[in-house]
Amino acid sequence: MYIHLGNNYIVSAGDIIAILSLEPPVAEEVKEIIEIAKLEKNFSNVSEKGKEKALIICDKGVVLSPISSTTLQKRAFNYLKEV
């Protein structure tokens, strides 16, 4: 099953490692994850600037999403119930 992360961007639910909230205050560790992903070119931002709500860590990279982490976690949980 695939999970829509916003702006027509989808990933396989099985590839998701973590879904983290970007609601303030954002932990320094989360900021560091984003910076490292940018340096390693494993970074995608599928939201408009300033509208990022969630950080999704996947097997192949990191994605910033305009969809809240709560909503994304519900979508992922629905996938787990089906498996």
Protein backbone atom coordinates (compact mmCIF):
# COMPACT_ATOMS: atom_id res chain seq x y z
CA MET A 1 0.00 0.00 0.00
CA TYR A 2 1.10 3.54 -0.70
CA ILE A 3 0.72 6.64 1.44
CA HIS A 4 0.12 10.07 -0.07
CA LEU A 5 2.46 12.64 1.50
CA GLY A 6 1.09 15.68 -0.30
CA ASN A 7 1.32 17.34 -3.73
CA ASN A 8 0.98 14.03 -5.61
CA TYR A 9 3.97 12.49 -3.81
CA ILE A 10 3.52 8.93 -2.58
CA VAL A 11 5.75 6.37 -0.89
CA SER A 12 5.32 2.74 -0.08
CA ALA A 13 4.07 2.36 3.49
CA GLY A 14 6.67 -0.35 4.04
CA ASP A 15 9.47 2.13 3.27
CA ILE A 16 8.50 4.53 6.06
CA ILE A 17 10.77 4.39 9.10
CA ALA A 18 9.43 7.36 11.08
CA ILE A 19 6.93 10.20 10.91
CA LEU A 20 7.92 13.23 12.97
CA SER A 21 6.04 16.43 13.71
CA LEU A 22 7.50 19.77 12.65
CA GLU A 23 5.23 21.78 14.92
CA PRO A 24 7.22 24.25 17.04
CA PRO A 25 9.37 23.81 18.95
CA VAL A 26 11.32 21.59 16.56
CA ALA A 27 14.04 19.54 18.26
CA GLU A 28 17.63 20.17 17.26
CA GLU A 29 17.97 16.50 16.32
CA VAL A 30 15.16 16.86 13.76
CA LYS A 31 16.85 19.92 12.24
CA GLU A 32 20.07 17.93 12.07
CA ILE A 33 18.34 15.07 10.23
CA ILE A 34 17.09 17.56 7.62
CA GLU A 35 20.54 19.13 7.17
CA ILE A 36 22.25 15.75 6.80
CA ALA A 37 19.64 14.60 4.25
CA LYS A 38 20.20 17.80 2.25
CA LEU A 39 23.97 17.28 2.27
CA GLU A 40 23.58 13.65 1.17
CA LYS A 41 21.02 14.64 -1.49
CA ASN A 42 18.39 12.33 0.04
CA PHE A 43 15.92 15.16 0.67
CA SER A 44 12.56 16.11 -0.87
CA ASN A 45 10.29 18.97 0.14
CA VAL A 46 6.80 18.40 -1.26
CA SER A 47 5.24 21.35 0.55
CA GLU A 48 5.28 25.09 0.00
CA LYS A 49 7.91 27.04 1.90
CA GLY A 50 6.75 27.60 5.46
CA LYS A 51 3.91 25.06 5.21
CA GLU A 52 5.90 22.00 6.30
CA LYS A 53 4.12 20.01 9.02
CA ALA A 54 5.79 16.61 9.06
CA LEU A 55 9.13 14.97 8.43
CA ILE A 56 8.97 11.47 7.00
CA ILE A 57 12.08 9.32 7.19
CA CYS A 58 12.06 6.61 4.53
CA ASP A 59 14.47 3.91 3.44
CA LYS A 60 15.64 6.05 0.53
CA GLY A 61 15.52 9.54 1.99
CA VAL A 62 13.74 12.25 3.94
CA VAL A 63 10.55 14.05 2.90
CA LEU A 64 8.97 17.24 4.25
CA SER A 65 5.19 17.11 3.95
CA PRO A 66 2.41 19.70 4.24
CA ILE A 67 0.20 17.05 5.84
CA SER A 68 0.23 16.80 9.63
CA SER A 69 2.11 13.96 11.27
CA THR A 70 -1.10 12.86 12.98
CA THR A 71 -2.89 12.41 9.66
CA LEU A 72 0.06 10.59 8.13
CA GLN A 73 0.31 8.28 11.15
CA LYS A 74 -3.39 7.43 10.80
CA ARG A 75 -2.83 6.58 7.13
CA ALA A 76 0.14 4.39 8.02
CA PHE A 77 -1.78 2.72 10.85
CA ASN A 78 -4.63 1.88 8.47
CA TYR A 79 -2.06 0.16 6.30
CA LEU A 80 -0.82 -1.90 9.24
CA LYS A 81 -4.36 -3.01 10.09
CA GLU A 82 -4.74 -4.34 6.52
CA VAL A 83 -1.51 -6.36 6.59
